[in-house]
């Protein structure tokens, strides 16, 4: 498990490894040579794990009651990892989460307003990959490109 560079420091609050090296750089305009710190930040868990960015999720949730959290959890558990897509009508979401149709509607509307979900079509939503996604950084960039393009076209 400890196969990382010993000069790097693990920061538990951000779950990242941060390393520092000294670098010599030359200003091409003045010729001045400067010695600077090069900071390397490597996030752990970049391969095939669901990542939920808690601070963003908490901002989205605001002061949601427990029934709305039940809807959110249902959506999280039923999001397709390959495409970051949640497929579910309001009725099926309400039934699956064990809440009223109105609670499902209010929760999904709030998740859309707060940029957690994007409605692709009735019953089909994409989860914002900046907040939650499963896979590599490359996959995140592809999902994010699609998400942002679709958001701009609405």
N, C-alpha and C. Protein backbone atom coordinates (compact mmCIF):
# COMPACT_ATOMS: atom_id res chain seq x y z
N UNK A 1 0.82 -1.20 0.00
CA UNK A 1 0.00 0.00 0.00
C UNK A 1 0.86 1.26 0.00
N UNK A 2 2.04 1.24 0.61
CA UNK A 2 2.90 2.42 0.68
C UNK A 2 3.89 2.44 -0.48
N UNK A 3 3.39 2.38 -1.72
CA UNK A 3 4.25 2.36 -2.89
C UNK A 3 4.47 3.75 -3.47
N UNK A 4 4.23 4.79 -2.71
CA UNK A 4 4.40 6.13 -3.25
C UNK A 4 5.70 6.74 -2.79
N UNK A 5 6.08 7.80 -3.48
CA UNK A 5 7.31 8.53 -3.21
C UNK A 5 7.32 9.01 -1.76
N UNK A 6 8.35 8.65 -1.02
CA UNK A 6 8.44 8.99 0.42
C UNK A 6 8.56 10.49 0.65
N UNK A 7 8.97 11.25 -0.37
CA UNK A 7 9.08 12.69 -0.20
C UNK A 7 7.72 13.37 -0.29
N UNK A 8 6.72 12.60 -0.64
CA UNK A 8 5.38 13.17 -0.74
C UNK A 8 4.66 13.01 0.60
N UNK A 9 3.83 13.99 0.89
CA UNK A 9 3.09 13.99 2.15
C UNK A 9 1.62 13.72 1.87
N UNK A 10 1.01 12.81 2.61
CA UNK A 10 -0.41 12.51 2.46
C UNK A 10 -1.21 13.50 3.29
N UNK A 11 -2.18 14.16 2.66
CA UNK A 11 -3.06 15.10 3.34
C UNK A 11 -4.43 14.45 3.43
N UNK A 12 -4.80 14.01 4.63
CA UNK A 12 -6.03 13.24 4.79
C UNK A 12 -7.28 14.06 4.49
N UNK A 13 -7.28 15.35 4.78
CA UNK A 13 -8.49 16.16 4.57
C UNK A 13 -8.86 16.24 3.09
N UNK A 14 -7.87 16.18 2.20
CA UNK A 14 -8.16 16.22 0.76
C UNK A 14 -7.86 14.90 0.07
N UNK A 15 -7.37 13.93 0.82
CA UNK A 15 -7.00 12.61 0.31
C UNK A 15 -6.09 12.73 -0.92
N UNK A 16 -5.06 13.56 -0.78
CA UNK A 16 -4.10 13.74 -1.86
C UNK A 16 -2.69 13.58 -1.34
N UNK A 17 -1.80 13.32 -2.27
CA UNK A 17 -0.38 13.30 -1.96
C UNK A 17 0.21 14.59 -2.52
N UNK A 18 0.97 15.30 -1.72
CA UNK A 18 1.58 16.54 -2.16
C UNK A 18 3.08 16.44 -1.96
N UNK A 19 3.82 16.71 -3.02
CA UNK A 19 5.28 16.68 -2.95
C UNK A 19 5.85 18.01 -3.39
N UNK A 20 7.03 18.33 -2.91
CA UNK A 20 7.70 19.58 -3.29
C UNK A 20 9.10 19.24 -3.79
N UNK A 21 9.47 19.91 -4.85
CA UNK A 21 10.82 19.81 -5.37
C UNK A 21 11.28 21.22 -5.69
N UNK A 22 12.58 21.43 -5.64
CA UNK A 22 13.15 22.72 -6.05
C UNK A 22 13.43 22.65 -7.54
N UNK A 23 13.12 23.71 -8.24
CA UNK A 23 13.36 23.80 -9.67
C UNK A 23 14.08 25.11 -9.96
N UNK A 24 14.96 25.08 -10.96
CA UNK A 24 15.63 26.31 -11.40
C UNK A 24 14.99 26.70 -12.73
N UNK A 25 14.46 27.92 -12.77
CA UNK A 25 13.82 28.43 -13.97
C UNK A 25 14.53 29.69 -14.43
N UNK A 26 14.55 29.91 -15.73
CA UNK A 26 15.19 31.10 -16.27
C UNK A 26 14.13 31.96 -16.95
N UNK A 27 14.08 33.24 -16.58
CA UNK A 27 13.20 34.20 -17.22
C UNK A 27 13.78 34.48 -18.60
N UNK A 28 13.03 34.17 -19.65
CA UNK A 28 13.54 34.33 -21.01
C UNK A 28 13.70 35.78 -21.41
N UNK A 29 12.98 36.69 -20.77
CA UNK A 29 13.11 38.12 -21.10
C UNK A 29 14.35 38.74 -20.45
N UNK A 30 14.60 38.41 -19.18
CA UNK A 30 15.71 39.06 -18.46
C UNK A 30 16.93 38.18 -18.31
N UNK A 31 16.79 36.89 -18.52
CA UNK A 31 17.90 35.96 -18.33
C UNK A 31 18.11 35.57 -16.87
N UNK A 32 17.32 36.15 -15.96
CA UNK A 32 17.45 35.88 -14.53
C UNK A 32 17.11 34.41 -14.25
N UNK A 33 17.92 33.76 -13.42
CA UNK A 33 17.68 32.39 -12.99
C UNK A 33 17.10 32.43 -11.59
N UNK A 34 15.95 31.75 -11.42
CA UNK A 34 15.27 31.73 -10.12
C UNK A 34 15.12 30.30 -9.65
N UNK A 35 15.20 30.11 -8.35
CA UNK A 35 14.94 28.82 -7.76
C UNK A 35 13.55 28.88 -7.14
N UNK A 36 12.68 27.94 -7.52
CA UNK A 36 11.29 27.96 -7.05
C UNK A 36 10.89 26.57 -6.55
N UNK A 37 9.83 26.53 -5.79
CA UNK A 37 9.25 25.26 -5.37
C UNK A 37 8.32 24.76 -6.46
N UNK A 38 8.48 23.52 -6.86
CA UNK A 38 7.54 22.87 -7.77
C UNK A 38 6.67 21.99 -6.90
N UNK A 39 5.37 22.21 -6.97
CA UNK A 39 4.45 21.43 -6.14
C UNK A 39 3.75 20.42 -7.03
N UNK A 40 3.81 19.17 -6.62
CA UNK A 40 3.13 18.10 -7.33
C UNK A 40 2.00 17.61 -6.46
N UNK A 41 0.81 17.58 -7.00
CA UNK A 41 -0.35 17.11 -6.25
C UNK A 41 -0.93 15.93 -7.01
N UNK A 42 -1.01 14.80 -6.36
CA UNK A 42 -1.52 13.60 -6.98
C UNK A 42 -2.71 13.10 -6.16
N UNK A 43 -3.87 13.07 -6.76
CA UNK A 43 -5.06 12.58 -6.05
C UNK A 43 -5.03 11.06 -6.03
N UNK A 44 -5.44 10.50 -4.94
CA UNK A 44 -5.54 9.05 -4.84
C UNK A 44 -6.89 8.60 -5.36
N UNK A 45 -6.98 7.35 -5.77
CA UNK A 45 -8.25 6.79 -6.17
C UNK A 45 -8.71 7.26 -7.54
N UNK A 46 -7.80 7.41 -8.49
CA UNK A 46 -8.17 7.90 -9.81
C UNK A 46 -8.72 6.81 -10.73
N UNK A 47 -8.72 5.57 -10.32
CA UNK A 47 -9.13 4.51 -11.24
C UNK A 47 -10.35 3.76 -10.74
N UNK A 48 -11.43 3.90 -11.47
CA UNK A 48 -12.63 3.10 -11.31
C UNK A 48 -13.26 3.12 -9.91
N UNK A 49 -13.39 4.29 -9.33
CA UNK A 49 -14.09 4.44 -8.08
C UNK A 49 -15.12 5.54 -8.24
N UNK A 50 -16.26 5.37 -7.59
CA UNK A 50 -17.21 6.48 -7.56
C UNK A 50 -16.58 7.57 -6.71
N UNK A 51 -16.67 8.78 -7.19
CA UNK A 51 -16.15 9.91 -6.44
C UNK A 51 -17.30 10.87 -6.22
N UNK A 52 -17.59 11.14 -5.00
CA UNK A 52 -18.60 12.14 -4.68
C UNK A 52 -17.87 13.27 -3.98
N UNK A 53 -17.92 14.47 -4.57
CA UNK A 53 -17.23 15.62 -4.03
C UNK A 53 -18.15 16.24 -2.98
N UNK A 54 -17.88 15.89 -1.75
CA UNK A 54 -18.79 16.16 -0.65
C UNK A 54 -19.15 17.62 -0.50
N UNK A 55 -18.19 18.53 -0.64
CA UNK A 55 -18.49 19.94 -0.44
C UNK A 55 -19.52 20.40 -1.45
N UNK A 56 -19.39 19.95 -2.72
CA UNK A 56 -20.37 20.31 -3.74
C UNK A 56 -21.73 19.68 -3.43
N UNK A 57 -21.71 18.44 -3.00
CA UNK A 57 -22.94 17.75 -2.68
C UNK A 57 -23.67 18.43 -1.52
N UNK A 58 -22.95 18.84 -0.51
CA UNK A 58 -23.58 19.52 0.63
C UNK A 58 -24.18 20.86 0.21
N UNK A 59 -23.52 21.58 -0.70
CA UNK A 59 -24.09 22.83 -1.21
C UNK A 59 -25.39 22.57 -1.95
N UNK A 60 -25.44 21.49 -2.70
CA UNK A 60 -26.65 21.14 -3.43
C UNK A 60 -27.76 20.77 -2.47
N UNK A 61 -27.44 20.00 -1.46
CA UNK A 61 -28.45 19.52 -0.53
C UNK A 61 -29.09 20.64 0.28
N UNK A 62 -28.30 21.66 0.62
CA UNK A 62 -28.86 22.73 1.44
C UNK A 62 -29.44 22.14 2.71
N UNK A 63 -30.68 22.40 2.94
CA UNK A 63 -31.34 21.89 4.15
C UNK A 63 -32.43 20.91 3.71
N UNK A 64 -32.03 19.84 3.09
CA UNK A 64 -33.00 18.85 2.62
C UNK A 64 -33.45 17.96 3.77
N UNK A 65 -34.74 17.64 3.77
CA UNK A 65 -35.23 16.73 4.80
C UNK A 65 -34.89 15.29 4.43
N UNK A 66 -35.17 14.36 5.33
CA UNK A 66 -34.74 12.97 5.14
C UNK A 66 -35.41 12.32 3.93
N UNK A 67 -36.63 12.71 3.59
CA UNK A 67 -37.30 12.11 2.42
C UNK A 67 -36.60 12.54 1.13
N UNK A 68 -36.14 13.79 1.08
CA UNK A 68 -35.40 14.24 -0.09
C UNK A 68 -34.05 13.54 -0.18
N UNK A 69 -33.46 13.27 0.95
CA UNK A 69 -32.19 12.53 0.96
C UNK A 69 -32.43 11.11 0.46
N UNK A 70 -33.59 10.51 0.80
CA UNK A 70 -33.93 9.18 0.28
C UNK A 70 -33.98 9.19 -1.25
N UNK A 71 -34.52 10.26 -1.83
CA UNK A 71 -34.57 10.38 -3.29
C UNK A 71 -33.16 10.49 -3.85
N UNK A 72 -32.35 11.33 -3.24
CA UNK A 72 -30.97 11.49 -3.70
C UNK A 72 -30.21 10.17 -3.64
N UNK A 73 -30.33 9.46 -2.54
CA UNK A 73 -29.63 8.18 -2.40
C UNK A 73 -30.11 7.19 -3.46
N UNK A 74 -31.40 7.18 -3.72
CA UNK A 74 -31.94 6.29 -4.75
C UNK A 74 -31.32 6.63 -6.11
N UNK A 75 -31.24 7.92 -6.42
CA UNK A 75 -30.64 8.35 -7.69
C UNK A 75 -29.16 7.95 -7.74
N UNK A 76 -28.43 8.18 -6.65
CA UNK A 76 -27.01 7.82 -6.61
C UNK A 76 -26.81 6.33 -6.83
N UNK A 77 -27.66 5.52 -6.20
CA UNK A 77 -27.52 4.07 -6.31
C UNK A 77 -27.92 3.53 -7.68
N UNK A 78 -28.68 4.31 -8.44
CA UNK A 78 -29.18 3.84 -9.74
C UNK A 78 -28.61 4.63 -10.92
N UNK A 79 -27.53 5.35 -10.69
CA UNK A 79 -26.86 6.07 -11.77
C UNK A 79 -25.93 5.10 -12.49
N UNK A 80 -26.03 5.06 -13.82
CA UNK A 80 -25.20 4.17 -14.63
C UNK A 80 -23.77 4.72 -14.67
N UNK A 81 -22.84 3.90 -14.22
CA UNK A 81 -21.46 4.37 -14.11
C UNK A 81 -20.80 4.63 -15.46
N UNK A 82 -21.22 3.92 -16.50
CA UNK A 82 -20.59 4.09 -17.80
C UNK A 82 -20.86 5.47 -18.39
N UNK A 83 -22.06 6.01 -18.17
CA UNK A 83 -22.47 7.25 -18.81
C UNK A 83 -22.84 8.35 -17.82
N UNK A 84 -22.78 8.05 -16.53
CA UNK A 84 -23.18 9.01 -15.51
C UNK A 84 -24.65 9.40 -15.68
N UNK A 85 -25.45 8.46 -16.13
CA UNK A 85 -26.85 8.71 -16.44
C UNK A 85 -27.76 8.04 -15.44
N UNK A 86 -28.78 8.78 -15.01
CA UNK A 86 -29.84 8.23 -14.18
C UNK A 86 -31.09 8.16 -15.05
N UNK A 87 -31.66 6.97 -15.16
CA UNK A 87 -32.88 6.78 -15.93
C UNK A 87 -33.99 6.42 -14.96
N UNK A 88 -34.98 7.28 -14.87
CA UNK A 88 -36.11 7.03 -13.99
C UNK A 88 -37.13 8.15 -14.09
N UNK A 89 -38.38 7.76 -14.29
CA UNK A 89 -39.45 8.75 -14.30
C UNK A 89 -39.68 9.24 -12.87
N UNK A 90 -40.44 10.30 -12.73
CA UNK A 90 -40.78 10.78 -11.39
C UNK A 90 -41.50 9.69 -10.62
N UNK A 91 -42.43 9.00 -11.29
CA UNK A 91 -43.21 7.94 -10.64
C UNK A 91 -42.32 6.79 -10.18
N UNK A 92 -41.39 6.34 -11.05
CA UNK A 92 -40.52 5.21 -10.66
C UNK A 92 -39.53 5.63 -9.59
N UNK A 93 -39.07 6.89 -9.64
CA UNK A 93 -38.16 7.39 -8.61
C UNK A 93 -38.86 7.46 -7.26
N UNK A 94 -40.08 7.99 -7.26
CA UNK A 94 -40.86 8.09 -6.02
C UNK A 94 -41.11 6.70 -5.44
N UNK A 95 -41.50 5.78 -6.29
CA UNK A 95 -41.78 4.41 -5.83
C UNK A 95 -40.51 3.75 -5.29
N UNK A 96 -39.41 3.86 -6.03
CA UNK A 96 -38.15 3.25 -5.62
C UNK A 96 -37.59 3.83 -4.34
N UNK A 97 -37.78 5.14 -4.15
CA UNK A 97 -37.24 5.81 -2.95
C UNK A 97 -38.22 5.74 -1.78
N UNK A 98 -39.45 5.30 -2.05
CA UNK A 98 -40.45 5.20 -0.99
C UNK A 98 -40.96 6.56 -0.53
N UNK A 99 -41.12 7.48 -1.49
CA UNK A 99 -41.60 8.83 -1.15
C UNK A 99 -42.78 9.17 -2.06
N UNK A 100 -43.41 10.30 -1.78
CA UNK A 100 -44.53 10.74 -2.62
C UNK A 100 -44.01 11.25 -3.96
N UNK A 101 -44.90 11.29 -4.94
CA UNK A 101 -44.57 11.82 -6.25
C UNK A 101 -44.12 13.27 -6.15
N UNK A 102 -44.77 14.05 -5.29
CA UNK A 102 -44.42 15.46 -5.10
C UNK A 102 -43.02 15.61 -4.52
N UNK A 103 -42.64 14.77 -3.56
CA UNK A 103 -41.30 14.83 -2.98
C UNK A 103 -40.24 14.50 -4.03
N UNK A 104 -40.51 13.49 -4.85
CA UNK A 104 -39.57 13.14 -5.93
C UNK A 104 -39.43 14.31 -6.90
N UNK A 105 -40.55 14.94 -7.28
CA UNK A 105 -40.51 16.07 -8.22
C UNK A 105 -39.74 17.24 -7.63
N UNK A 106 -40.04 17.60 -6.38
CA UNK A 106 -39.35 18.72 -5.74
C UNK A 106 -37.84 18.47 -5.63
N UNK A 107 -37.48 17.25 -5.28
CA UNK A 107 -36.06 16.91 -5.10
C UNK A 107 -35.32 16.95 -6.43
N UNK A 108 -35.90 16.34 -7.45
CA UNK A 108 -35.25 16.34 -8.77
C UNK A 108 -35.16 17.76 -9.30
N UNK A 109 -36.20 18.55 -9.13
CA UNK A 109 -36.14 19.96 -9.55
C UNK A 109 -35.01 20.70 -8.85
N UNK A 110 -34.87 20.45 -7.55
CA UNK A 110 -33.80 21.12 -6.79
C UNK A 110 -32.42 20.65 -7.27
N UNK A 111 -32.28 19.36 -7.54
CA UNK A 111 -31.00 18.84 -8.02
C UNK A 111 -30.65 19.41 -9.40
N UNK A 112 -31.66 19.66 -10.22
CA UNK A 112 -31.42 20.28 -11.53
C UNK A 112 -31.04 21.76 -11.35
N UNK A 113 -31.79 22.48 -10.53
CA UNK A 113 -31.50 23.91 -10.29
C UNK A 113 -30.10 24.11 -9.74
N UNK A 114 -29.64 23.16 -8.92
CA UNK A 114 -28.33 23.29 -8.28
C UNK A 114 -27.22 22.58 -9.04
N UNK A 115 -27.49 22.23 -10.31
CA UNK A 115 -26.47 21.71 -11.22
C UNK A 115 -25.88 20.36 -10.79
N UNK A 116 -26.68 19.54 -10.11
CA UNK A 116 -26.26 18.17 -9.84
C UNK A 116 -26.77 17.26 -10.95
N UNK A 117 -27.99 17.50 -11.40
CA UNK A 117 -28.57 16.74 -12.50
C UNK A 117 -28.84 17.66 -13.68
N UNK A 118 -28.74 17.09 -14.87
CA UNK A 118 -29.14 17.79 -16.08
C UNK A 118 -30.17 16.91 -16.76
N UNK A 119 -31.32 17.48 -17.09
CA UNK A 119 -32.36 16.70 -17.77
C UNK A 119 -31.99 16.54 -19.23
N UNK A 120 -31.85 15.30 -19.68
CA UNK A 120 -31.55 15.00 -21.07
C UNK A 120 -32.86 14.91 -21.84
N UNK A 121 -33.82 14.21 -21.26
CA UNK A 121 -35.19 14.10 -21.78
C UNK A 121 -36.03 13.59 -20.63
N UNK A 122 -37.34 13.49 -20.82
CA UNK A 122 -38.19 13.00 -19.73
C UNK A 122 -37.69 11.65 -19.24
N UNK A 123 -37.42 11.57 -17.96
CA UNK A 123 -36.98 10.32 -17.34
C UNK A 123 -35.52 9.97 -17.54
N UNK A 124 -34.74 10.86 -18.15
CA UNK A 124 -33.31 10.60 -18.37
C UNK A 124 -32.53 11.84 -17.92
N UNK A 125 -31.59 11.63 -17.01
CA UNK A 125 -30.81 12.72 -16.43
C UNK A 125 -29.34 12.33 -16.43
N UNK A 126 -28.47 13.33 -16.59
CA UNK A 126 -27.05 13.06 -16.42
C UNK A 126 -26.59 13.73 -15.14
N UNK A 127 -25.80 13.00 -14.36
CA UNK A 127 -25.23 13.53 -13.13
C UNK A 127 -23.99 14.33 -13.50
N UNK A 128 -23.85 15.50 -12.90
CA UNK A 128 -22.71 16.38 -13.17
C UNK A 128 -21.41 15.66 -12.76
N UNK A 129 -20.51 15.37 -13.73
CA UNK A 129 -19.28 14.65 -13.41
C UNK A 129 -18.30 15.46 -12.56
N UNK A 130 -18.52 16.77 -12.43
CA UNK A 130 -17.70 17.55 -11.52
C UNK A 130 -18.04 17.24 -10.07
N UNK A 131 -19.21 16.67 -9.85
CA UNK A 131 -19.65 16.37 -8.50
C UNK A 131 -19.56 14.89 -8.19
N UNK A 132 -19.94 14.04 -9.16
CA UNK A 132 -19.87 12.60 -8.94
C UNK A 132 -19.61 11.89 -10.25
N UNK A 133 -18.67 10.98 -10.24
CA UNK A 133 -18.41 10.14 -11.41
C UNK A 133 -17.61 8.93 -11.01
N UNK A 134 -17.64 7.93 -11.86
CA UNK A 134 -16.86 6.72 -11.61
C UNK A 134 -15.93 6.52 -12.79
N UNK A 135 -14.64 6.42 -12.51
CA UNK A 135 -13.70 6.16 -13.59
C UNK A 135 -12.47 7.04 -13.50
N UNK A 136 -11.78 7.10 -14.61
CA UNK A 136 -10.51 7.81 -14.68
C UNK A 136 -10.72 9.30 -14.92
N UNK A 137 -9.64 10.05 -14.79
CA UNK A 137 -9.69 11.49 -15.06
C UNK A 137 -10.04 11.74 -16.53
N UNK A 138 -9.55 10.89 -17.42
CA UNK A 138 -9.86 11.02 -18.85
C UNK A 138 -11.36 10.87 -19.08
N UNK A 139 -11.96 9.87 -18.45
CA UNK A 139 -13.40 9.66 -18.57
C UNK A 139 -14.16 10.86 -18.02
N UNK A 140 -13.68 11.41 -16.91
CA UNK A 140 -14.33 12.58 -16.32
C UNK A 140 -14.34 13.72 -17.33
N UNK A 141 -13.23 13.95 -18.02
CA UNK A 141 -13.16 15.04 -19.00
C UNK A 141 -14.13 14.81 -20.15
N UNK A 142 -14.26 13.57 -20.60
CA UNK A 142 -15.21 13.27 -21.69
C UNK A 142 -16.65 13.50 -21.22
N UNK A 143 -16.99 13.00 -20.04
CA UNK A 143 -18.34 13.19 -19.50
C UNK A 143 -18.63 14.67 -19.28
N UNK A 144 -17.64 15.39 -18.78
CA UNK A 144 -17.79 16.81 -18.50
C UNK A 144 -18.01 17.59 -19.79
N UNK A 145 -17.30 17.22 -20.84
CA UNK A 145 -17.46 17.88 -22.14
C UNK A 145 -18.90 17.71 -22.63
N UNK A 146 -19.42 16.50 -22.55
CA UNK A 146 -20.80 16.23 -22.96
C UNK A 146 -21.78 17.01 -22.08
N UNK A 147 -21.56 16.97 -20.79
CA UNK A 147 -22.44 17.65 -19.84
C UNK A 147 -22.48 19.15 -20.12
N UNK A 148 -21.33 19.76 -20.31
CA UNK A 148 -21.26 21.21 -20.54
C UNK A 148 -21.83 21.58 -21.91
N UNK A 149 -21.57 20.77 -22.93
CA UNK A 149 -22.14 21.04 -24.25
C UNK A 149 -23.66 20.98 -24.22
N UNK A 150 -24.19 19.99 -23.56
CA UNK A 150 -25.64 19.83 -23.48
C UNK A 150 -26.25 20.96 -22.65
N UNK A 151 -25.59 21.37 -21.59
CA UNK A 151 -26.09 22.46 -20.74
C UNK A 151 -26.13 23.77 -21.53
N UNK A 152 -25.10 24.03 -22.34
CA UNK A 152 -25.04 25.25 -23.14
C UNK A 152 -26.13 25.29 -24.19
N UNK A 153 -26.54 24.13 -24.69
CA UNK A 153 -27.54 24.08 -25.77
C UNK A 153 -28.97 24.17 -25.25
N UNK A 154 -29.15 24.20 -23.94
CA UNK A 154 -30.52 24.29 -23.39
C UNK A 154 -31.00 25.71 -23.36
